[in-house]
Each structure stands twice: as structure tokens, then as C-alpha cells.
């Protein structure tokens, strides 16, 4: 197994082209970090589509209710759902929405994040202070860059598996 700084707060996301390693930020957004680990450990993110991928902006995924491509996949509803768990309060910080950062997707209500998240393709400073940042890609960003584009993509890519490194 590879050496990770903090395996309990490291996510291994398997994509079609390789593994994306994400360091979570429990000191910055503890509730969002716990939610991601809880859903990863339950296997809820496995086979979930990237339903909204905008070139030069970000790749969004994590709709565990409607975007599981192996179970009840509904492209028309992908992006509208979350998990069975309650929504999370915003955990805004000074951490910027830099390239490779993980942001919590939500509705207009700042306290509506649940299971969905996005990975920034570039520095998106206009999001700073408006969306919770709770992780950073530290390896495999080239695999994120290769995700199929579209809203939704015609042939969406998916997270094949998502695991906490401590469990891998």
C-alpha cells in the first residue's frame, strides 16, 4: 500500500484511467469530511456518474440517489438528489477553490450540501467563501482532467469506487 500522510483522511477515487488521491481537510470542514468518509465506507459513491462536467470549470458527481450507473440510474434526475442523511451546514473557510480542490455542491441554500461534490479543473476564486472546500487532489489530477464533458455528458464517466485509504 502506498504511504499517505493521513490514511484516515485520504480518499482513493478509482476512475477509468487511474486512481485519484484526495487529502481531506478535517480541520477545515469536519462535518463534510465525515459525510464523505461515511458514504465512501458504505459504498454509496461506487458507480456514481459525473453528471455535470463543464470544461474549464469543474466536474460534479456524488448524487447517490439518482446517478448510480449500476442501479436506478436516471440521467434526467442526476444532480437533483443526495443521500438519506440530513443536509449539512455550510463550513465556509479561507481555503480557496484552487485547481484540484473538492467543493460541496448544494442548492441556493448554503446549508443544503449532502452527498454531491465537485472537483475544480482550475482556480475558481469566484466560488471562494460561497461553497465549502473540504479536500484537495494530491495525485491523479490528469485522470480528473480526462472526465467526459457535458451537462449531462452523453456517455458519462463514473467513480468506479471510492474508498478511505485507511480501509484500502
N, C-alpha and C. Protein backbone atom coordinates (compact mmCIF):
# COMPACT_ATOMS: atom_id res chain seq x y z
N UNK A 1 0.85 -1.19 0.00
CA UNK A 1 0.00 0.00 0.00
C UNK A 1 0.88 1.24 0.00
N UNK A 2 0.47 2.23 -0.74
CA UNK A 2 1.21 3.49 -0.80
C UNK A 2 1.18 4.17 0.58
N UNK A 3 2.14 5.04 0.81
CA UNK A 3 2.19 5.78 2.07
C UNK A 3 1.40 7.07 1.92
N UNK A 4 0.44 7.28 2.81
CA UNK A 4 -0.34 8.51 2.81
C UNK A 4 -0.10 9.22 4.13
N UNK A 5 -0.09 10.54 4.08
CA UNK A 5 0.17 11.37 5.25
C UNK A 5 -0.82 11.04 6.37
N UNK A 6 -2.10 10.93 6.01
CA UNK A 6 -3.17 10.67 6.98
C UNK A 6 -4.19 9.74 6.32
N UNK A 7 -3.94 8.42 6.36
CA UNK A 7 -4.83 7.48 5.64
C UNK A 7 -6.30 7.58 6.03
N UNK A 8 -6.59 7.94 7.27
CA UNK A 8 -7.97 8.07 7.73
C UNK A 8 -8.67 9.25 7.05
N UNK A 9 -7.91 10.22 6.57
CA UNK A 9 -8.47 11.40 5.91
C UNK A 9 -7.97 11.54 4.49
N UNK A 10 -7.80 10.38 3.83
CA UNK A 10 -7.40 10.33 2.43
C UNK A 10 -8.41 9.46 1.68
N UNK A 11 -8.89 9.97 0.55
CA UNK A 11 -9.85 9.25 -0.28
C UNK A 11 -9.14 8.74 -1.53
N UNK A 12 -9.43 7.49 -1.89
CA UNK A 12 -8.92 6.90 -3.13
C UNK A 12 -10.11 6.72 -4.06
N UNK A 13 -10.15 7.53 -5.11
CA UNK A 13 -11.25 7.50 -6.07
C UNK A 13 -10.75 6.85 -7.36
N UNK A 14 -11.31 5.70 -7.68
CA UNK A 14 -10.90 4.97 -8.88
C UNK A 14 -11.73 5.46 -10.07
N UNK A 15 -11.04 6.00 -11.08
CA UNK A 15 -11.68 6.42 -12.32
C UNK A 15 -11.23 5.49 -13.44
N UNK A 16 -11.80 5.62 -14.63
CA UNK A 16 -11.49 4.71 -15.73
C UNK A 16 -10.01 4.71 -16.09
N UNK A 17 -9.33 5.85 -15.90
CA UNK A 17 -7.94 5.96 -16.30
C UNK A 17 -6.95 5.76 -15.16
N UNK A 18 -7.42 5.74 -13.91
CA UNK A 18 -6.50 5.57 -12.79
C UNK A 18 -7.08 6.09 -11.48
N UNK A 19 -6.24 6.08 -10.46
CA UNK A 19 -6.68 6.46 -9.10
C UNK A 19 -6.38 7.93 -8.82
N UNK A 20 -7.39 8.59 -8.27
CA UNK A 20 -7.27 9.98 -7.82
C UNK A 20 -7.16 9.93 -6.30
N UNK A 21 -6.10 10.56 -5.76
CA UNK A 21 -5.87 10.59 -4.32
C UNK A 21 -6.27 11.98 -3.82
N UNK A 22 -7.19 12.00 -2.86
CA UNK A 22 -7.72 13.26 -2.32
C UNK A 22 -7.41 13.32 -0.83
N UNK A 23 -6.70 14.38 -0.42
CA UNK A 23 -6.49 14.62 1.00
C UNK A 23 -7.67 15.45 1.51
N UNK A 24 -8.38 14.90 2.50
CA UNK A 24 -9.50 15.61 3.10
C UNK A 24 -8.98 16.62 4.14
N UNK A 25 -9.81 17.61 4.45
CA UNK A 25 -9.43 18.70 5.34
C UNK A 25 -10.33 18.71 6.58
N UNK A 26 -10.11 17.75 7.52
CA UNK A 26 -10.99 17.67 8.70
C UNK A 26 -10.90 18.89 9.61
N UNK A 27 -9.78 19.60 9.59
CA UNK A 27 -9.65 20.80 10.43
C UNK A 27 -10.44 21.97 9.87
N UNK A 28 -10.75 21.90 8.56
CA UNK A 28 -11.44 23.00 7.87
C UNK A 28 -12.95 22.75 7.82
N UNK A 29 -13.33 21.53 7.48
CA UNK A 29 -14.75 21.20 7.29
C UNK A 29 -15.04 19.80 7.84
N UNK A 30 -15.03 19.66 9.17
CA UNK A 30 -15.17 18.32 9.77
C UNK A 30 -16.45 17.57 9.42
N UNK A 31 -17.58 18.27 9.32
CA UNK A 31 -18.84 17.58 9.01
C UNK A 31 -18.86 17.05 7.57
N UNK A 32 -18.33 17.82 6.62
CA UNK A 32 -18.27 17.39 5.23
C UNK A 32 -17.31 16.21 5.07
N UNK A 33 -16.17 16.27 5.77
CA UNK A 33 -15.19 15.18 5.72
C UNK A 33 -15.82 13.90 6.27
N UNK A 34 -16.49 13.99 7.41
CA UNK A 34 -17.14 12.81 8.00
C UNK A 34 -18.18 12.23 7.05
N UNK A 35 -18.97 13.10 6.39
CA UNK A 35 -20.00 12.62 5.47
C UNK A 35 -19.37 11.87 4.31
N UNK A 36 -18.31 12.42 3.73
CA UNK A 36 -17.68 11.75 2.60
C UNK A 36 -17.15 10.38 3.02
N UNK A 37 -16.52 10.31 4.17
CA UNK A 37 -15.98 9.03 4.63
C UNK A 37 -17.12 8.04 4.92
N UNK A 38 -18.20 8.52 5.52
CA UNK A 38 -19.34 7.65 5.82
C UNK A 38 -19.93 7.05 4.54
N UNK A 39 -20.13 7.90 3.53
CA UNK A 39 -20.71 7.42 2.26
C UNK A 39 -19.72 6.52 1.51
N UNK A 40 -18.44 6.86 1.56
CA UNK A 40 -17.42 6.02 0.91
C UNK A 40 -17.40 4.63 1.56
N UNK A 41 -17.41 4.62 2.88
CA UNK A 41 -17.36 3.33 3.59
C UNK A 41 -18.61 2.49 3.35
N UNK A 42 -19.73 3.13 3.07
CA UNK A 42 -20.97 2.41 2.78
C UNK A 42 -21.03 1.96 1.32
N UNK A 43 -20.04 2.37 0.50
CA UNK A 43 -20.05 2.03 -0.93
C UNK A 43 -21.02 2.87 -1.73
N UNK A 44 -21.56 3.93 -1.13
CA UNK A 44 -22.60 4.73 -1.79
C UNK A 44 -22.09 5.47 -3.02
N UNK A 45 -20.80 5.83 -3.06
CA UNK A 45 -20.26 6.57 -4.20
C UNK A 45 -19.84 5.66 -5.36
N UNK A 46 -19.75 4.36 -5.14
CA UNK A 46 -19.32 3.45 -6.19
C UNK A 46 -20.30 3.48 -7.36
N UNK A 47 -19.78 3.63 -8.58
CA UNK A 47 -20.55 3.65 -9.83
C UNK A 47 -21.42 4.89 -10.01
N UNK A 48 -21.16 5.95 -9.26
CA UNK A 48 -21.94 7.18 -9.41
C UNK A 48 -21.33 8.04 -10.52
N UNK A 49 -22.20 8.52 -11.41
CA UNK A 49 -21.79 9.28 -12.60
C UNK A 49 -21.32 10.69 -12.26
N UNK A 50 -20.45 11.20 -13.12
CA UNK A 50 -20.14 12.63 -13.16
C UNK A 50 -21.22 13.23 -14.06
N UNK A 51 -22.24 13.83 -13.45
CA UNK A 51 -23.43 14.26 -14.19
C UNK A 51 -23.33 15.67 -14.75
N UNK A 52 -22.36 16.45 -14.31
CA UNK A 52 -22.23 17.84 -14.76
C UNK A 52 -20.74 18.16 -14.83
N UNK A 53 -20.23 18.24 -16.04
CA UNK A 53 -18.80 18.43 -16.23
C UNK A 53 -18.61 19.56 -17.23
N UNK A 54 -18.13 20.70 -16.72
CA UNK A 54 -18.01 21.91 -17.54
C UNK A 54 -16.54 22.20 -17.78
N UNK A 55 -16.16 22.17 -19.07
CA UNK A 55 -14.77 22.39 -19.46
C UNK A 55 -14.27 23.71 -18.90
N UNK A 56 -13.08 23.71 -18.33
CA UNK A 56 -12.50 24.92 -17.78
C UNK A 56 -13.10 25.36 -16.46
N UNK A 57 -13.99 24.54 -15.88
CA UNK A 57 -14.65 24.90 -14.63
C UNK A 57 -14.50 23.77 -13.61
N UNK A 58 -15.38 22.74 -13.71
CA UNK A 58 -15.36 21.68 -12.70
C UNK A 58 -16.10 20.43 -13.18
N UNK A 59 -15.89 19.33 -12.43
CA UNK A 59 -16.59 18.05 -12.64
C UNK A 59 -17.38 17.75 -11.39
N UNK A 60 -18.71 17.58 -11.54
CA UNK A 60 -19.59 17.36 -10.39
C UNK A 60 -20.12 15.93 -10.40
N UNK A 61 -20.21 15.34 -9.21
CA UNK A 61 -20.67 13.97 -9.02
C UNK A 61 -21.25 13.84 -7.61
N UNK A 62 -21.56 12.62 -7.22
CA UNK A 62 -21.95 12.36 -5.84
C UNK A 62 -23.44 12.23 -5.57
N UNK A 63 -24.28 12.28 -6.62
CA UNK A 63 -25.72 12.08 -6.41
C UNK A 63 -25.96 10.59 -6.21
N UNK A 64 -25.92 10.16 -4.95
CA UNK A 64 -26.06 8.73 -4.66
C UNK A 64 -27.50 8.24 -4.83
N UNK A 65 -28.46 9.15 -4.91
CA UNK A 65 -29.87 8.77 -5.08
C UNK A 65 -30.22 8.47 -6.54
N UNK A 66 -29.68 9.27 -7.49
CA UNK A 66 -30.14 9.15 -8.88
C UNK A 66 -29.04 8.89 -9.91
N UNK A 67 -27.77 8.86 -9.50
CA UNK A 67 -26.71 8.77 -10.51
C UNK A 67 -25.86 7.51 -10.42
N UNK A 68 -26.34 6.49 -9.70
CA UNK A 68 -25.61 5.22 -9.66
C UNK A 68 -25.86 4.51 -10.98
N UNK A 69 -24.84 4.36 -11.79
CA UNK A 69 -24.99 3.82 -13.14
C UNK A 69 -25.25 2.31 -13.15
N UNK A 70 -25.18 1.66 -12.01
CA UNK A 70 -25.47 0.23 -11.92
C UNK A 70 -26.84 -0.03 -11.29
N UNK A 71 -27.46 1.03 -10.76
CA UNK A 71 -28.71 0.83 -10.00
C UNK A 71 -29.59 2.07 -10.15
N UNK A 72 -30.69 1.96 -10.85
CA UNK A 72 -31.68 3.03 -10.96
C UNK A 72 -31.12 4.34 -11.50
N UNK A 73 -30.14 4.26 -12.43
CA UNK A 73 -29.56 5.48 -12.99
C UNK A 73 -30.62 6.26 -13.75
N UNK A 74 -30.73 7.54 -13.44
CA UNK A 74 -31.72 8.39 -14.09
C UNK A 74 -31.04 9.69 -14.53
N UNK A 75 -30.56 9.74 -15.80
CA UNK A 75 -29.83 10.93 -16.24
C UNK A 75 -30.64 12.22 -16.11
N UNK A 76 -31.94 12.12 -16.23
CA UNK A 76 -32.77 13.32 -16.10
C UNK A 76 -32.85 13.86 -14.69
N UNK A 77 -32.64 12.98 -13.71
CA UNK A 77 -32.70 13.41 -12.30
C UNK A 77 -31.33 13.50 -11.65
N UNK A 78 -30.30 12.97 -12.34
CA UNK A 78 -28.94 13.02 -11.78
C UNK A 78 -28.58 14.46 -11.47
N UNK A 79 -28.13 14.68 -10.26
CA UNK A 79 -27.79 16.03 -9.82
C UNK A 79 -28.86 16.65 -8.96
N UNK A 80 -30.01 15.98 -8.83
CA UNK A 80 -31.10 16.53 -8.02
C UNK A 80 -31.20 15.88 -6.64
N UNK A 81 -30.43 14.81 -6.42
CA UNK A 81 -30.57 14.07 -5.18
C UNK A 81 -29.35 14.11 -4.29
N UNK A 82 -29.51 13.49 -3.14
CA UNK A 82 -28.42 13.37 -2.18
C UNK A 82 -28.47 11.99 -1.57
N UNK A 83 -28.16 11.92 -0.30
CA UNK A 83 -28.23 10.65 0.42
C UNK A 83 -29.45 10.68 1.35
N UNK A 84 -29.63 9.60 2.09
CA UNK A 84 -30.72 9.54 3.07
C UNK A 84 -30.37 10.31 4.35
N UNK A 85 -29.14 10.79 4.42
CA UNK A 85 -28.67 11.50 5.62
C UNK A 85 -29.10 12.97 5.54
N UNK A 86 -29.16 13.66 6.68
CA UNK A 86 -29.59 15.07 6.66
C UNK A 86 -28.56 15.96 5.95
N UNK A 87 -29.05 17.08 5.42
CA UNK A 87 -28.16 18.06 4.80
C UNK A 87 -27.18 18.59 5.83
N UNK A 88 -26.08 19.13 5.32
CA UNK A 88 -25.00 19.63 6.18
C UNK A 88 -25.01 21.15 6.25
N UNK A 89 -24.62 21.70 7.40
CA UNK A 89 -24.46 23.16 7.48
C UNK A 89 -23.20 23.57 6.72
N UNK A 90 -23.22 24.74 6.15
CA UNK A 90 -22.05 25.26 5.45
C UNK A 90 -20.87 25.33 6.40
N UNK A 91 -19.69 25.02 5.88
CA UNK A 91 -18.45 25.15 6.64
C UNK A 91 -17.48 25.98 5.80
N UNK A 92 -17.83 27.23 5.59
CA UNK A 92 -17.02 28.11 4.76
C UNK A 92 -15.70 28.41 5.46
N UNK A 93 -14.67 28.64 4.65
CA UNK A 93 -13.34 28.90 5.19
C UNK A 93 -12.58 29.81 4.23
N UNK A 94 -11.35 30.05 4.57
CA UNK A 94 -10.47 30.86 3.71
C UNK A 94 -9.73 30.00 2.69
N UNK A 95 -9.96 28.67 2.71
CA UNK A 95 -9.31 27.78 1.75
C UNK A 95 -9.88 28.08 0.37
N UNK A 96 -9.02 28.40 -0.61
CA UNK A 96 -9.53 28.79 -1.93
C UNK A 96 -10.00 27.60 -2.77
N UNK A 97 -10.87 27.91 -3.72
CA UNK A 97 -11.30 26.93 -4.71
C UNK A 97 -10.23 26.87 -5.80
N UNK A 98 -9.11 26.25 -5.46
CA UNK A 98 -7.98 26.14 -6.38
C UNK A 98 -8.14 24.90 -7.27
N UNK A 99 -7.30 24.80 -8.29
CA UNK A 99 -7.30 23.61 -9.14
C UNK A 99 -7.15 22.37 -8.27
N UNK A 100 -8.05 21.40 -8.48
CA UNK A 100 -7.99 20.14 -7.75
C UNK A 100 -8.68 20.16 -6.40
N UNK A 101 -9.23 21.31 -6.00
CA UNK A 101 -9.93 21.34 -4.71
C UNK A 101 -11.30 20.68 -4.85
N UNK A 102 -11.76 20.15 -3.72
CA UNK A 102 -13.05 19.47 -3.64
C UNK A 102 -14.02 20.42 -2.97
N UNK A 103 -15.12 20.74 -3.65
CA UNK A 103 -16.13 21.62 -3.10
C UNK A 103 -17.44 20.90 -2.92
N UNK A 104 -18.20 21.31 -1.90
CA UNK A 104 -19.51 20.73 -1.65
C UNK A 104 -20.54 21.36 -2.58
N UNK A 105 -21.22 20.54 -3.37
CA UNK A 105 -22.29 21.04 -4.23
C UNK A 105 -23.54 21.21 -3.36
N UNK A 106 -24.35 22.21 -3.70
CA UNK A 106 -25.55 22.49 -2.92
C UNK A 106 -26.53 23.27 -3.78
N UNK A 107 -27.73 23.47 -3.24
CA UNK A 107 -28.72 24.33 -3.89
C UNK A 107 -28.43 25.77 -3.50
N UNK A 108 -29.36 26.68 -3.74
CA UNK A 108 -29.19 28.09 -3.37
C UNK A 108 -29.04 28.25 -1.85
N UNK A 109 -29.58 27.32 -1.08
CA UNK A 109 -29.46 27.36 0.37
C UNK A 109 -28.05 26.93 0.77
N UNK A 110 -27.28 27.78 1.43
CA UNK A 110 -25.90 27.42 1.80
C UNK A 110 -25.81 26.18 2.70
N UNK A 111 -26.89 25.86 3.40
CA UNK A 111 -26.89 24.71 4.30
C UNK A 111 -27.58 23.49 3.69
N UNK A 112 -27.45 23.31 2.39
CA UNK A 112 -28.14 22.21 1.70
C UNK A 112 -27.18 21.17 1.11
N UNK A 113 -25.89 21.26 1.39
CA UNK A 113 -24.96 20.24 0.88
C UNK A 113 -25.30 18.90 1.52
N UNK A 114 -25.11 17.82 0.75
CA UNK A 114 -25.42 16.50 1.27
C UNK A 114 -24.34 15.51 0.83
N UNK A 115 -24.50 14.93 -0.36
CA UNK A 115 -23.52 13.94 -0.84
C UNK A 115 -22.76 14.41 -2.08
N UNK A 116 -23.30 15.40 -2.79
CA UNK A 116 -22.68 15.82 -4.04
C UNK A 116 -21.48 16.74 -3.82
N UNK A 117 -20.52 16.62 -4.72
CA UNK A 117 -19.33 17.45 -4.65
C UNK A 117 -18.80 17.69 -6.05
N UNK A 118 -17.86 18.61 -6.16
CA UNK A 118 -17.22 18.90 -7.44
C UNK A 118 -15.74 19.05 -7.23
N UNK A 119 -15.00 18.78 -8.31
CA UNK A 119 -13.55 18.96 -8.33
C UNK A 119 -13.26 20.05 -9.34
N UNK A 120 -12.57 21.09 -8.90
CA UNK A 120 -12.26 22.23 -9.77
C UNK A 120 -11.16 21.88 -10.76
N UNK A 121 -11.41 22.19 -12.05
CA UNK A 121 -10.39 22.00 -13.09
C UNK A 121 -9.34 23.09 -13.05
N UNK A 122 -9.72 24.25 -12.53
CA UNK A 122 -8.79 25.39 -12.45
C UNK A 122 -9.12 26.19 -11.20
N UNK A 123 -8.32 27.23 -10.93
CA UNK A 123 -8.63 28.11 -9.80
C UNK A 123 -9.94 28.83 -10.10
N UNK A 124 -10.92 28.65 -9.24
CA UNK A 124 -12.23 29.29 -9.40
C UNK A 124 -12.48 30.19 -8.20
N UNK A 125 -11.73 31.28 -8.14
CA UNK A 125 -11.77 32.17 -6.98
C UNK A 125 -13.15 32.77 -6.73
N UNK A 126 -13.99 32.88 -7.77
CA UNK A 126 -15.32 33.46 -7.59
C UNK A 126 -16.20 32.60 -6.68
N UNK A 127 -15.79 31.35 -6.42
CA UNK A 127 -16.54 30.45 -5.51
C UNK A 127 -16.09 30.59 -4.06
N UNK A 128 -14.95 31.26 -3.85
CA UNK A 128 -14.39 31.35 -2.50
C UNK A 128 -15.40 31.93 -1.52
N UNK A 129 -15.52 31.28 -0.36
CA UNK A 129 -16.41 31.76 0.69
C UNK A 129 -17.88 31.49 0.45
N UNK A 130 -18.22 30.85 -0.68
CA UNK A 130 -19.62 30.58 -1.00
C UNK A 130 -19.95 29.08 -1.01
N UNK A 131 -18.92 28.26 -1.15
CA UNK A 131 -19.08 26.80 -1.16
C UNK A 131 -18.01 26.23 -0.25
N UNK A 132 -18.37 25.18 0.49
CA UNK A 132 -17.43 24.56 1.41
C UNK A 132 -16.36 23.80 0.64
N UNK A 133 -15.09 24.07 0.96
CA UNK A 133 -13.96 23.30 0.43
C UNK A 133 -13.58 22.29 1.51
N UNK A 134 -13.47 20.99 1.12
CA UNK A 134 -13.12 20.02 2.15
C UNK A 134 -12.12 18.97 1.71
N UNK A 135 -11.46 19.21 0.58
CA UNK A 135 -10.42 18.29 0.14
C UNK A 135 -9.61 18.86 -0.99
N UNK A 136 -8.49 18.18 -1.29
CA UNK A 136 -7.59 18.61 -2.36
C UNK A 136 -7.01 17.37 -3.03
N UNK A 137 -7.11 17.32 -4.38
CA UNK A 137 -6.47 16.24 -5.14
C UNK A 137 -4.96 16.42 -5.02
N UNK A 138 -4.27 15.36 -4.58
CA UNK A 138 -2.82 15.42 -4.46
C UNK A 138 -2.11 14.50 -5.45
N UNK A 139 -2.86 13.58 -6.06
CA UNK A 139 -2.33 12.71 -7.12
C UNK A 139 -3.48 12.37 -8.06
N UNK A 140 -3.17 12.26 -9.36
CA UNK A 140 -4.15 11.78 -10.32
C UNK A 140 -5.03 12.85 -10.94
N UNK A 141 -4.64 14.12 -10.84
CA UNK A 141 -5.49 15.18 -11.42
C UNK A 141 -5.62 15.00 -12.93
N UNK A 142 -4.62 14.36 -13.56
CA UNK A 142 -4.73 14.11 -15.00
C UNK A 142 -5.91 13.20 -15.33
N UNK A 143 -6.30 12.35 -14.38
CA UNK A 143 -7.46 11.46 -14.59
C UNK A 143 -8.76 12.25 -14.45
N UNK A 144 -8.78 13.24 -13.57
CA UNK A 144 -9.93 14.13 -13.45
C UNK A 144 -10.07 14.95 -14.73
N UNK A 145 -8.95 15.45 -15.24
CA UNK A 145 -8.97 16.25 -16.48
C UNK A 145 -9.55 15.47 -17.66
N UNK A 146 -9.49 14.14 -17.61
CA UNK A 146 -9.94 13.29 -18.72
C UNK A 146 -11.42 12.91 -18.64
N UNK A 147 -12.13 13.37 -17.61
CA UNK A 147 -13.56 13.03 -17.44
C UNK A 147 -14.37 13.64 -18.59
N UNK A 148 -15.32 12.85 -19.13
CA UNK A 148 -16.18 13.30 -20.24
C UNK A 148 -16.98 14.53 -19.85
N UNK A 149 -17.00 15.51 -20.77
CA UNK A 149 -17.70 16.79 -20.53
C UNK A 149 -19.16 16.70 -20.94
N UNK A 150 -19.98 17.59 -20.33
CA UNK A 150 -21.39 17.71 -20.69
C UNK A 150 -22.25 17.96 -19.47
N UNK A 151 -23.48 18.42 -19.73
CA UNK A 151 -24.47 18.69 -18.67
C UNK A 151 -25.81 18.07 -19.04
N UNK A 152 -26.02 16.80 -18.98
CA UNK A 152 -25.06 15.76 -18.60
C UNK A 152 -24.24 15.30 -19.81
N UNK A 153 -23.10 14.65 -19.57
CA UNK A 153 -22.33 14.09 -20.69
C UNK A 153 -23.14 13.01 -21.41
N UNK A 154 -22.95 12.90 -22.72
CA UNK A 154 -23.66 11.87 -23.49
C UNK A 154 -23.31 10.48 -22.99
N UNK A 155 -22.05 10.25 -22.69
CA UNK A 155 -21.58 8.98 -22.13
C UNK A 155 -20.78 9.29 -20.86
N UNK A 156 -21.48 9.48 -19.74
CA UNK A 156 -20.80 9.95 -18.54
C UNK A 156 -19.77 8.97 -17.99
N UNK A 157 -18.72 9.54 -17.43
CA UNK A 157 -17.77 8.75 -16.67
C UNK A 157 -18.35 8.58 -15.27
N UNK A 158 -17.76 7.67 -14.51
CA UNK A 158 -18.25 7.39 -13.17
C UNK A 158 -17.09 7.20 -12.22
N UNK A 159 -17.41 7.30 -10.95
CA UNK A 159 -16.46 6.90 -9.91
C UNK A 159 -16.64 5.38 -9.79
N UNK A 160 -15.65 4.63 -10.22
CA UNK A 160 -15.76 3.16 -10.17
C UNK A 160 -15.83 2.70 -8.72
N UNK A 161 -14.94 3.26 -7.90
CA UNK A 161 -15.00 3.01 -6.46
C UNK A 161 -14.40 4.19 -5.72
N UNK A 162 -14.87 4.37 -4.50
CA UNK A 162 -14.38 5.44 -3.61
C UNK A 162 -14.15 4.79 -2.26
N UNK A 163 -12.91 4.87 -1.78
CA UNK A 163 -12.56 4.25 -0.51
C UNK A 163 -11.75 5.21 0.36
N UNK A 164 -11.83 5.01 1.67
CA UNK A 164 -10.95 5.70 2.60
C UNK A 164 -9.65 4.90 2.59
N UNK A 165 -8.50 5.58 2.42
CA UNK A 165 -7.21 4.90 2.30
C UNK A 165 -6.92 3.98 3.47
N UNK A 166 -7.37 4.34 4.68
CA UNK A 166 -7.15 3.51 5.86
C UNK A 166 -7.80 2.13 5.72
N UNK A 167 -8.83 2.04 4.88
CA UNK A 167 -9.58 0.78 4.69
C UNK A 167 -9.09 -0.01 3.49
N UNK A 168 -8.29 0.62 2.63
CA UNK A 168 -7.91 0.00 1.34
C UNK A 168 -6.89 -1.11 1.54
